[in-house]
Amino acid sequence: MSRAEQPSRRTVLAAAVATAVAGGAVPATAEAAPGTGGGPADSDPATGRQVDYRAWTTFRDWRCGTARGARPVAGDRPGVVIGAPAGTADYTDPHTGRTATWEYATWISPVHRLTVPATEVVASWNAHTPAGTWIQVELEGSYSDGTATPRYVMGRWAAGDGDQDIRRTSVDDQGDGRSSVWTDTFSIDDASTGLRLASYRLRLALYRRPGTRATPTVWRLGVMGSDVPDRFTVPASTPGLARELRVPRYSQEIHKGQYPEYDNGGEAWCSPTSSQMIIEYWGGRLTEEQLAWVDPSYADPQVCHAARYTYDYQYAGCGNWPFNAAYAATFKHLQGVVTRLGSLTDLETLIAAGIPAITSQSFLAEELTGAGYGTSGHLMTVIGFTADGDVIANDPASDDNEAVRRVYKRREWENIWLRTKRYNANGKVVSGTGGVCYLYFPARPSPRQRKALAAVGVR
């Protein structure tokens, strides 16, 4: 986020229309297009919710998929790993120019029929990728008219960025004239036609250096599909909670100019800074060895680390939503998802259970009293509510750590977060975020936390 109202490389959640068909994917075996069958829904149409979040996390989930060389594993955190590789594939990393041969295995989810046929979709995942391993997440589906989408690459991801690893990357210029993927978001190109994504399945490819026993482990694989109507304003909610969580405070602004190779330094680091705050709230800590690469004169080196390890080499930024959730899940006993919430009541439900949220919003300076800046896209953490119902946020776009805690007027904050349309500084209609957020929480939530997450559609 830049303090000034500037055009972003990606419109906020609404994907740019691409004209080229997807290309450059790692070779894979052909599989049939998704059918029309569906698995159990994770949102109840009776609630009126405009979001369908579906995830595969249990041993039973992993066993229900179709595996070629992949193997489900049980335990405290069930997942899927490489068993006997299905074959090898060459991949030329576009960011290093290196071509390497990799062993791979695949896992394909059952088809999920969306309870909310979607105009937009974001996949997210939690995984462990030792050096020399990586994963690719793909999505293919059926439109509401019964035709099939292309197979879209939603991300190529590795936790590291050393010589043995690929550079984590999104894939640009994917589309078929009806839908597109830009950075991390699948989007119907023209929602006014009534076309929607009716069903989908995910294809997970796991890669490793040939001849090794190393394997990625994927614990959570999920998709948020949504159809939030165009709106400049949203109805006001009624305050229902007064509580504040003790979340560490970090400013992105004190990192200006540091490591400009990662999206021009701290000025644009709202997403990883927010992620690091919540990770440390849950007890996630980096070791001295992990931070040894950071200039010792820099304060809060963990923020620099978060920027480096959320960086998307194609997007050329640290704001890739699934990459932030995946980074959070590299910390022991944490998991992360990208979803949308429908109201401040949803946020109050989470805060009451001790779960803070990272929210995405865009606004003019005059639309958020006390912010002192305008932005075309910015992440901050919601940590509580005052007795009057106003929002308590740790806003990383602050001059120093002490100034990070802010109180924003409930009605203003609610509207800039939940709307899908707004006017920019030039009076042009542009997109809003429609309630996007990251949620990080324990791998084994307490009963109260599990209930709160289920109440907002996350299981």
Protein backbone atom coordinates (compact mmCIF):
# COMPACT_ATOMS: atom_id res chain seq x y z
CA MET A 1 0.00 0.00 0.00
CA SER A 2 1.18 3.48 -0.80
CA ARG A 3 -0.20 6.35 1.24
CA ALA A 4 -1.14 8.15 -1.97
CA GLU A 5 -4.14 7.14 -4.07
CA GLN A 6 -2.32 5.38 -6.88
CA PRO A 7 -3.28 2.86 -9.55
CA SER A 8 -2.43 -0.65 -8.46
CA ARG A 9 -0.86 -3.36 -10.60
CA ARG A 10 -4.01 -5.37 -9.90
CA THR A 11 -7.49 -4.03 -9.41
CA VAL A 12 -8.64 -4.94 -5.95
CA LEU A 13 -10.09 -8.47 -6.27
CA ALA A 14 -11.66 -7.82 -9.69
CA ALA A 15 -9.24 -9.46 -12.10
CA ALA A 16 -8.07 -7.69 -15.22
CA VAL A 17 -9.42 -9.06 -18.49
CA ALA A 18 -6.76 -11.17 -20.16
CA THR A 19 -6.78 -11.88 -23.88
CA ALA A 20 -4.35 -14.76 -24.12
CA VAL A 21 -5.05 -18.37 -23.31
CA ALA A 22 -3.13 -19.76 -20.34
CA GLY A 23 0.37 -20.93 -21.16
CA GLY A 24 3.61 -22.04 -19.63
CA ALA A 25 2.21 -24.62 -17.23
CA VAL A 26 4.35 -27.55 -16.22
CA PRO A 27 3.53 -30.57 -18.42
CA ALA A 28 0.93 -32.80 -16.84
CA THR A 29 -1.11 -35.80 -17.73
CA ALA A 30 -4.55 -35.15 -19.18
CA GLU A 31 -7.56 -35.60 -16.97
CA ALA A 32 -11.25 -35.35 -17.79
CA ALA A 33 -13.03 -32.04 -17.35
CA PRO A 34 -15.11 -31.65 -14.19
CA GLY A 35 -18.56 -33.16 -14.17
CA THR A 36 -21.63 -31.80 -12.50
CA GLY A 37 -21.53 -33.76 -9.27
CA GLY A 38 -20.75 -31.96 -6.05
CA GLY A 39 -19.42 -32.59 -2.60
CA PRO A 40 -20.90 -31.35 0.67
CA ALA A 41 -21.46 -27.60 0.73
CA ASP A 42 -19.68 -25.41 3.26
CA SER A 43 -22.23 -22.61 3.21
CA ASP A 44 -25.94 -22.77 3.84
CA PRO A 45 -28.18 -21.05 1.28
CA ALA A 46 -30.64 -20.41 4.11
CA THR A 47 -28.19 -17.95 5.67
CA GLY A 48 -28.16 -15.72 2.59
CA ARG A 49 -24.38 -15.76 2.64
CA GLN A 50 -22.77 -14.63 -0.63
CA VAL A 51 -19.63 -16.70 -0.13
CA ASP A 52 -18.91 -20.42 -0.47
CA TYR A 53 -15.65 -21.51 1.16
CA ARG A 54 -14.70 -25.18 0.68
CA ALA A 55 -11.52 -26.79 1.97
CA TRP A 56 -9.92 -30.23 2.02
CA THR A 57 -8.16 -30.81 5.34
CA THR A 58 -8.99 -34.21 6.81
CA PHE A 59 -7.59 -37.65 6.11
CA ARG A 60 -10.99 -38.60 4.71
CA ASP A 61 -10.85 -35.53 2.41
CA TRP A 62 -7.46 -36.55 1.04
CA ARG A 63 -8.59 -40.13 0.54
CA CYS A 64 -11.60 -38.95 -1.48
CA GLY A 65 -9.41 -37.30 -4.09
CA THR A 66 -7.90 -38.91 -7.18
CA ALA A 67 -4.18 -39.50 -6.72
CA ARG A 68 -1.45 -40.26 -9.24
CA GLY A 69 1.73 -40.83 -7.27
CA ALA A 70 0.41 -38.87 -4.31
CA ARG A 71 -0.40 -40.47 -0.97
CA PRO A 72 -2.63 -39.28 1.90
CA VAL A 73 -1.01 -39.28 5.34
CA ALA A 74 -2.81 -39.35 8.70
CA GLY A 75 -1.75 -37.87 12.03
CA ASP A 76 -2.42 -34.70 13.99
CA ARG A 77 -2.34 -32.75 10.75
CA PRO A 78 -3.45 -34.97 7.86
CA GLY A 79 -2.16 -34.13 4.42
CA VAL A 80 -1.02 -35.39 1.06
CA VAL A 81 2.59 -36.14 0.02
CA ILE A 82 4.53 -37.68 -2.85
CA GLY A 83 4.43 -41.44 -2.62
CA ALA A 84 5.78 -43.03 -5.81
CA PRO A 85 6.21 -40.23 -8.39
CA ALA A 86 3.92 -40.39 -11.41
CA GLY A 87 6.66 -39.15 -13.74
CA THR A 88 9.04 -36.28 -14.45
CA ALA A 89 8.55 -32.85 -16.01
CA ASP A 90 10.87 -30.04 -17.06
CA TYR A 91 10.22 -26.53 -15.79
CA THR A 92 12.01 -23.37 -16.88
CA ASP A 93 11.76 -20.82 -14.11
CA PRO A 94 10.82 -17.52 -15.81
CA HIS A 95 12.48 -15.54 -13.02
CA THR A 96 15.86 -17.28 -13.03
CA GLY A 97 15.98 -18.75 -16.53
CA ARG A 98 17.01 -22.12 -15.09
CA THR A 99 15.53 -25.30 -16.52
CA ALA A 100 15.34 -28.32 -14.24
CA THR A 101 13.74 -31.75 -14.26
CA TRP A 102 11.37 -32.56 -11.40
CA GLU A 103 9.60 -35.66 -10.21
CA TYR A 104 5.91 -35.02 -9.68
CA ALA A 105 2.74 -36.51 -8.26
CA THR A 106 -0.82 -35.19 -8.50
CA TRP A 107 -3.93 -35.10 -6.37
CA ILE A 108 -7.31 -34.01 -7.77
CA SER A 109 -10.20 -32.98 -5.55
CA PRO A 110 -13.74 -34.18 -6.03
CA VAL A 111 -15.90 -31.74 -7.96
CA HIS A 112 -17.46 -29.13 -5.70
CA ARG A 113 -20.73 -27.55 -6.82
CA LEU A 114 -20.85 -24.03 -5.45
CA THR A 115 -23.81 -23.15 -3.27
CA VAL A 116 -23.11 -19.60 -4.43
CA PRO A 117 -22.34 -19.72 -8.18
CA ALA A 118 -19.35 -17.41 -8.30
CA THR A 119 -18.15 -14.36 -10.17
CA GLU A 120 -14.81 -14.50 -8.31
CA VAL A 121 -12.70 -17.26 -6.83
CA VAL A 122 -9.51 -17.28 -4.75
CA ALA A 123 -7.69 -20.50 -3.86
CA SER A 124 -5.44 -20.79 -0.80
CA TRP A 125 -3.30 -23.54 0.68
CA ASN A 126 -1.15 -24.51 3.64
CA ALA A 127 1.93 -26.60 2.95
CA HIS A 128 5.43 -27.59 4.01
CA THR A 129 7.95 -27.47 1.15
CA PRO A 130 11.48 -28.53 2.17
CA ALA A 131 14.35 -27.26 0.03
CA GLY A 132 14.15 -28.77 -3.44
CA THR A 133 10.35 -29.13 -3.44
CA TRP A 134 7.40 -27.01 -4.54
CA ILE A 135 3.72 -27.18 -5.42
CA GLN A 136 1.39 -25.96 -8.14
CA VAL A 137 -2.33 -25.34 -7.55
CA GLU A 138 -4.69 -25.41 -10.51
CA LEU A 139 -8.42 -24.84 -10.86
CA GLU A 140 -10.80 -26.01 -13.57
CA GLY A 141 -14.54 -25.85 -13.54
CA SER A 142 -17.87 -25.62 -15.30
CA TYR A 143 -19.70 -22.43 -16.13
CA SER A 144 -23.38 -22.03 -15.36
CA ASP A 145 -24.16 -22.70 -19.05
CA GLY A 146 -22.55 -26.15 -18.77
CA THR A 147 -19.36 -25.40 -20.68
CA ALA A 148 -15.90 -25.93 -19.21
CA THR A 149 -13.28 -23.43 -18.14
CA PRO A 150 -9.62 -23.84 -19.04
CA ARG A 151 -7.34 -25.32 -16.42
CA TYR A 152 -6.00 -22.27 -14.61
CA VAL A 153 -2.78 -22.06 -12.60
CA MET A 154 -3.64 -20.36 -9.31
CA GLY A 155 -0.06 -20.34 -8.03
CA ARG A 156 3.35 -21.98 -8.05
CA TRP A 157 4.65 -21.89 -4.52
CA ALA A 158 7.66 -22.77 -2.43
CA ALA A 159 8.33 -21.55 1.09
CA GLY A 160 11.98 -20.83 0.28
CA ASP A 161 13.76 -18.98 -2.50
CA GLY A 162 17.20 -20.61 -2.47
CA ASP A 163 19.10 -22.19 -5.34
CA GLN A 164 17.26 -25.49 -4.88
CA ASP A 165 13.83 -23.86 -5.09
CA ILE A 166 11.75 -22.22 -7.77
CA ARG A 167 10.73 -18.58 -7.42
CA ARG A 168 7.17 -18.52 -6.06
CA THR A 169 5.00 -16.98 -8.70
CA SER A 170 1.56 -16.23 -10.01
CA VAL A 171 0.90 -16.72 -13.73
CA ASP A 172 -0.37 -13.84 -15.84
CA ASP A 173 -2.35 -13.76 -19.09
CA GLN A 174 -4.71 -16.65 -18.44
CA GLY A 175 -8.19 -16.43 -19.92
CA ASP A 176 -10.68 -17.73 -22.48
CA GLY A 177 -12.64 -14.55 -23.23
CA ARG A 178 -15.18 -15.44 -20.54
CA SER A 179 -13.06 -15.60 -17.41
CA SER A 180 -9.54 -14.59 -16.48
CA VAL A 181 -6.96 -15.10 -13.78
CA TRP A 182 -4.85 -12.15 -12.72
CA THR A 183 -2.38 -12.73 -9.92
CA ASP A 184 -4.42 -14.67 -7.34
CA THR A 185 -8.03 -14.25 -8.48
CA PHE A 186 -10.26 -16.04 -10.97
CA SER A 187 -12.92 -13.65 -12.25
CA ILE A 188 -15.85 -13.82 -14.66
CA ASP A 189 -15.02 -11.15 -17.24
CA ASP A 190 -18.55 -9.72 -17.50
CA ALA A 191 -20.75 -10.64 -14.55
CA SER A 192 -23.65 -8.65 -16.01
CA THR A 193 -24.21 -11.44 -18.56
CA GLY A 194 -25.30 -13.75 -15.75
CA LEU A 195 -22.46 -16.18 -16.40
CA ARG A 196 -21.09 -17.75 -13.24
CA LEU A 197 -18.70 -20.48 -12.17
CA ALA A 198 -21.05 -23.28 -11.11
CA SER A 199 -18.58 -25.95 -10.02
CA TYR A 200 -14.87 -26.60 -9.84
CA ARG A 201 -12.22 -29.00 -8.79
CA LEU A 202 -8.63 -28.38 -7.76
CA ARG A 203 -5.60 -30.13 -9.17
CA LEU A 204 -2.57 -30.18 -6.89
CA ALA A 205 0.84 -31.04 -8.33
CA LEU A 206 3.70 -31.84 -5.94
CA TYR A 207 7.30 -31.57 -7.19
CA ARG A 208 10.72 -32.61 -5.93
CA ARG A 209 14.27 -33.01 -7.16
CA PRO A 210 14.68 -36.46 -8.77
CA GLY A 211 16.25 -39.16 -6.68
CA THR A 212 15.46 -37.61 -3.30
CA ARG A 213 12.97 -38.62 -0.66
CA ALA A 214 12.00 -35.05 0.12
CA THR A 215 8.34 -34.25 -0.40
CA PRO A 216 5.99 -31.34 -0.04
CA THR A 217 3.16 -31.89 2.41
CA VAL A 218 -0.12 -30.08 1.82
CA TRP A 219 -2.41 -29.85 4.85
CA ARG A 220 -5.13 -27.50 3.64
CA LEU A 221 -6.37 -26.78 0.14
CA GLY A 222 -9.36 -24.49 -0.20
CA VAL A 223 -11.31 -22.13 -2.41
CA MET A 224 -13.37 -19.07 -1.66
CA GLY A 225 -16.06 -18.50 -4.30
CA SER A 226 -18.27 -15.44 -4.08
CA ASP A 227 -20.95 -13.45 -5.85
CA VAL A 228 -21.17 -10.15 -4.02
CA PRO A 229 -23.48 -7.70 -5.82
CA ASP A 230 -22.27 -4.32 -7.03
CA ARG A 231 -22.76 -1.78 -4.27
CA PHE A 232 -21.37 1.59 -3.25
CA THR A 233 -22.81 1.36 0.27
CA VAL A 234 -23.80 -1.43 2.63
CA PRO A 235 -26.40 -1.51 5.41
CA ALA A 236 -25.16 -0.46 8.83
CA SER A 237 -24.73 -3.22 11.38
CA THR A 238 -25.55 -2.96 15.08
CA PRO A 239 -22.59 -3.03 17.51
CA GLY A 240 -22.49 -6.21 19.53
CA LEU A 241 -19.08 -6.55 21.16
CA ALA A 242 -16.54 -4.53 23.14
CA ARG A 243 -13.20 -6.36 23.27
CA GLU A 244 -9.61 -5.76 22.24
CA LEU A 245 -7.01 -8.46 21.53
CA ARG A 246 -3.37 -7.92 22.44
CA VAL A 247 -1.75 -8.06 19.01
CA PRO A 248 1.83 -6.90 18.34
CA ARG A 249 2.15 -3.59 16.50
CA TYR A 250 4.44 -3.17 13.51
CA SER A 251 4.77 -0.24 11.12
CA GLN A 252 5.57 -0.81 7.47
CA GLU A 253 6.69 2.81 7.17
CA ILE A 254 9.87 2.38 9.24
CA HIS A 255 11.05 -0.03 6.52
CA LYS A 256 10.96 2.49 3.68
CA GLY A 257 13.87 1.90 1.32
CA GLN A 258 14.84 -1.43 2.89
CA TYR A 259 15.25 -4.29 0.41
CA PRO A 260 13.79 -2.46 -2.60
CA GLU A 261 14.03 -5.71 -4.58
CA TYR A 262 10.92 -6.76 -2.67
CA ASP A 263 8.37 -4.30 -4.06
CA ASN A 264 10.34 -1.13 -3.39
CA GLY A 265 10.75 -1.63 0.33
CA GLY A 266 8.43 -1.09 3.28
CA GLU A 267 6.14 1.49 1.73
CA ALA A 268 4.32 -1.38 -0.03
CA TRP A 269 4.57 -3.97 2.74
CA CYS A 270 1.11 -3.65 4.33
CA SER A 271 0.26 -7.30 3.68
CA PRO A 272 3.37 -9.02 5.11
CA THR A 273 3.49 -6.54 8.00
CA SER A 274 -0.10 -7.37 8.89
CA SER A 275 0.64 -11.06 8.50
CA GLN A 276 3.59 -10.87 10.85
CA MET A 277 1.52 -9.11 13.51
CA ILE A 278 -1.06 -11.90 13.56
CA ILE A 279 1.52 -14.68 13.30
CA GLU A 280 3.25 -13.37 16.43
CA TYR A 281 -0.10 -12.94 18.19
CA TRP A 282 -0.43 -16.71 17.84
CA GLY A 283 3.11 -17.28 19.11
CA GLY A 284 4.91 -17.67 15.78
CA ARG A 285 8.57 -16.68 16.12
CA LEU A 286 11.54 -16.57 13.78
CA THR A 287 14.95 -17.76 14.90
CA GLU A 288 18.17 -15.79 14.82
CA GLU A 289 19.35 -18.11 12.08
CA GLN A 290 16.30 -17.35 9.95
CA LEU A 291 16.84 -13.61 10.41
CA ALA A 292 20.61 -13.68 9.89
CA TRP A 293 20.28 -12.37 6.31
CA VAL A 294 18.65 -9.10 7.48
CA ASP A 295 20.84 -6.03 8.01
CA PRO A 296 21.33 -5.91 11.82
CA SER A 297 20.77 -2.16 11.84
CA TYR A 298 17.13 -2.62 10.77
CA ALA A 299 14.42 -2.68 13.43
CA ASP A 300 11.84 -5.48 13.37
CA PRO A 301 13.77 -7.74 11.00
CA GLN A 302 10.87 -10.20 11.06
CA VAL A 303 8.88 -7.77 8.89
CA CYS A 304 11.66 -7.81 6.28
CA HIS A 305 11.59 -11.60 6.45
CA ALA A 306 7.82 -11.68 5.94
CA ALA A 307 8.15 -9.43 2.88
CA ARG A 308 10.82 -11.62 1.33
CA TYR A 309 8.92 -14.85 1.87
CA THR A 310 5.54 -13.59 0.67
CA TYR A 311 7.01 -11.96 -2.43
CA ASP A 312 5.42 -12.97 -5.75
CA TYR A 313 8.06 -12.72 -8.46
CA GLN A 314 5.49 -12.25 -11.24
CA TYR A 315 3.26 -9.77 -9.48
CA ALA A 316 6.45 -8.09 -8.23
CA GLY A 317 4.89 -7.48 -4.86
CA CYS A 318 4.15 -8.89 -1.42
CA GLY A 319 0.38 -8.58 -1.66
CA ASN A 320 -0.52 -11.96 -3.16
CA TRP A 321 -3.27 -13.06 -0.79
CA PRO A 322 -2.76 -16.87 -0.92
CA PHE A 323 1.01 -16.43 -0.62
CA ASN A 324 0.48 -14.56 2.66
CA ALA A 325 -1.82 -17.27 4.01
CA ALA A 326 0.67 -19.95 2.95
CA TYR A 327 3.50 -18.03 4.67
CA ALA A 328 1.51 -17.91 7.91
CA ALA A 329 1.05 -21.68 7.78
CA THR A 330 4.82 -22.23 7.63
CA PHE A 331 4.82 -21.40 11.34
CA LYS A 332 4.28 -24.38 13.59
CA HIS A 333 0.67 -25.12 14.51
CA LEU A 334 -0.82 -22.31 12.37
CA GLN A 335 -3.10 -22.37 9.38
CA GLY A 336 -4.36 -19.60 7.14
CA VAL A 337 -7.17 -19.03 4.65
CA VAL A 338 -8.34 -16.30 2.30
CA THR A 339 -12.08 -15.70 2.38
CA ARG A 340 -14.72 -13.01 2.45
CA LEU A 341 -16.89 -12.00 5.39
CA GLY A 342 -20.32 -10.48 5.14
CA SER A 343 -20.47 -7.96 7.97
CA LEU A 344 -18.82 -6.47 11.01
CA THR A 345 -20.96 -8.93 12.96
CA ASP A 346 -18.83 -11.69 11.43
CA LEU A 347 -15.70 -9.91 12.63
CA GLU A 348 -17.21 -9.52 16.10
CA THR A 349 -17.88 -13.26 16.18
CA LEU A 350 -14.22 -13.95 15.45
CA ILE A 351 -12.86 -11.36 17.89
CA ALA A 352 -15.08 -12.79 20.64
CA ALA A 353 -13.33 -16.13 20.08
CA GLY A 354 -9.89 -14.50 20.14
CA ILE A 355 -9.32 -14.57 16.37
CA PRO A 356 -8.12 -11.29 14.79
CA ALA A 357 -8.51 -10.74 11.04
CA ILE A 358 -6.50 -9.11 8.28
CA THR A 359 -8.81 -7.08 6.05
CA SER A 360 -8.42 -5.49 2.63
CA GLN A 361 -9.93 -2.10 1.86
CA SER A 362 -9.55 0.89 -0.47
CA PHE A 363 -10.64 4.46 0.13
CA LEU A 364 -10.06 8.18 -0.31
CA ALA A 365 -8.45 10.04 2.58
CA GLU A 366 -11.71 11.82 3.42
CA GLU A 367 -13.61 8.53 3.61
CA LEU A 368 -11.80 7.22 6.69
CA THR A 369 -11.48 9.76 9.48
CA GLY A 370 -8.06 9.69 11.12
CA ALA A 371 -6.30 7.61 8.48
CA GLY A 372 -4.50 10.55 6.91
CA TYR A 373 -4.07 8.83 3.55
CA GLY A 374 -6.00 7.32 0.66
CA THR A 375 -5.25 4.02 -1.02
CA SER A 376 -6.26 1.85 -3.96
CA GLY A 377 -5.67 -1.23 -1.81
CA HIS A 378 -4.42 -1.69 1.74
CA LEU A 379 -4.29 -4.41 4.42
CA MET A 380 -4.71 -3.82 8.13
CA THR A 381 -5.54 -6.01 11.11
CA VAL A 382 -8.78 -5.79 13.06
CA ILE A 383 -8.05 -6.50 16.70
CA GLY A 384 -11.22 -5.39 18.46
CA PHE A 385 -14.14 -3.05 18.97
CA THR A 386 -14.75 -0.17 21.38
CA ALA A 387 -17.77 0.10 23.66
CA ASP A 388 -19.38 2.27 20.94
CA GLY A 389 -18.74 -0.39 18.31
CA ASP A 390 -15.94 1.44 16.53
CA VAL A 391 -13.22 -0.64 14.91
CA ILE A 392 -9.84 -1.02 16.62
CA ALA A 393 -7.25 -1.76 13.97
CA ASN A 394 -3.52 -2.19 13.85
CA ASP A 395 -2.82 -0.11 10.76
CA PRO A 396 0.71 -0.70 9.41
CA ALA A 397 0.53 2.54 7.39
CA SER A 398 1.66 4.44 10.47
CA ASP A 399 4.81 6.43 11.13
CA ASP A 400 6.06 4.12 13.87
CA ASN A 401 5.02 1.10 15.89
CA GLU A 402 3.49 3.17 18.68
CA ALA A 403 1.12 4.85 16.21
CA VAL A 404 -0.08 1.59 14.65
CA ARG A 405 -3.11 1.16 16.93
CA ARG A 406 -6.00 3.16 15.49
CA VAL A 407 -9.69 3.54 16.22
CA TYR A 408 -11.81 4.04 13.10
CA LYS A 409 -15.46 5.03 12.96
CA ARG A 410 -17.57 1.94 12.60
CA ARG A 411 -19.84 3.19 9.80
CA GLU A 412 -16.96 4.53 7.70
CA TRP A 413 -14.80 1.46 8.13
CA GLU A 414 -17.68 -0.96 7.49
CA ASN A 415 -18.51 0.69 4.19
CA ILE A 416 -15.00 0.95 2.76
CA TRP A 417 -14.36 -2.72 3.54
CA LEU A 418 -17.62 -4.27 2.33
CA ARG A 419 -18.48 -2.23 -0.76
CA THR A 420 -17.58 -3.50 -4.22
CA LYS A 421 -17.72 -0.17 -6.06
CA ARG A 422 -16.29 3.23 -5.21
CA TYR A 423 -15.14 6.49 -6.75
CA ASN A 424 -11.42 7.20 -6.93
CA ALA A 425 -9.75 10.60 -6.66
CA ASN A 426 -10.50 11.29 -10.34
CA GLY A 427 -14.19 10.52 -9.95
CA LYS A 428 -13.90 7.24 -11.85
CA VAL A 429 -15.83 4.19 -10.71
CA VAL A 430 -13.40 1.49 -9.56
CA SER A 431 -13.69 -1.74 -7.59
CA GLY A 432 -13.85 -2.24 -3.84
CA THR A 433 -12.87 -5.31 -1.90
CA GLY A 434 -16.24 -6.68 -0.84
CA GLY A 435 -15.15 -8.00 2.55
CA VAL A 436 -11.93 -9.82 1.68
CA CYS A 437 -9.84 -10.98 4.61
CA TYR A 438 -7.11 -13.38 5.70
CA LEU A 439 -7.80 -15.52 8.74
CA TYR A 440 -4.92 -17.15 10.63
CA PHE A 441 -5.75 -19.51 13.46
CA PRO A 442 -4.42 -22.60 15.26
CA ALA A 443 -4.06 -25.88 13.39
CA ARG A 444 -6.15 -27.35 16.22
CA PRO A 445 -8.69 -24.64 17.13
CA SER A 446 -10.45 -24.73 20.46
CA PRO A 447 -14.16 -25.65 20.41
CA ARG A 448 -15.05 -21.97 20.73
CA GLN A 449 -12.73 -20.98 17.91
CA ARG A 450 -14.02 -23.80 15.72
CA LYS A 451 -17.60 -22.64 16.32
CA ALA A 452 -16.73 -19.03 15.45
CA LEU A 453 -14.95 -20.07 12.26
CA ALA A 454 -17.88 -22.26 11.22
CA ALA A 455 -20.22 -19.32 11.83
CA VAL A 456 -18.34 -17.33 9.15
CA GLY A 457 -18.19 -20.27 6.75
CA VAL A 458 -14.67 -21.59 7.43
CA ARG A 459 -14.10 -25.24 8.35
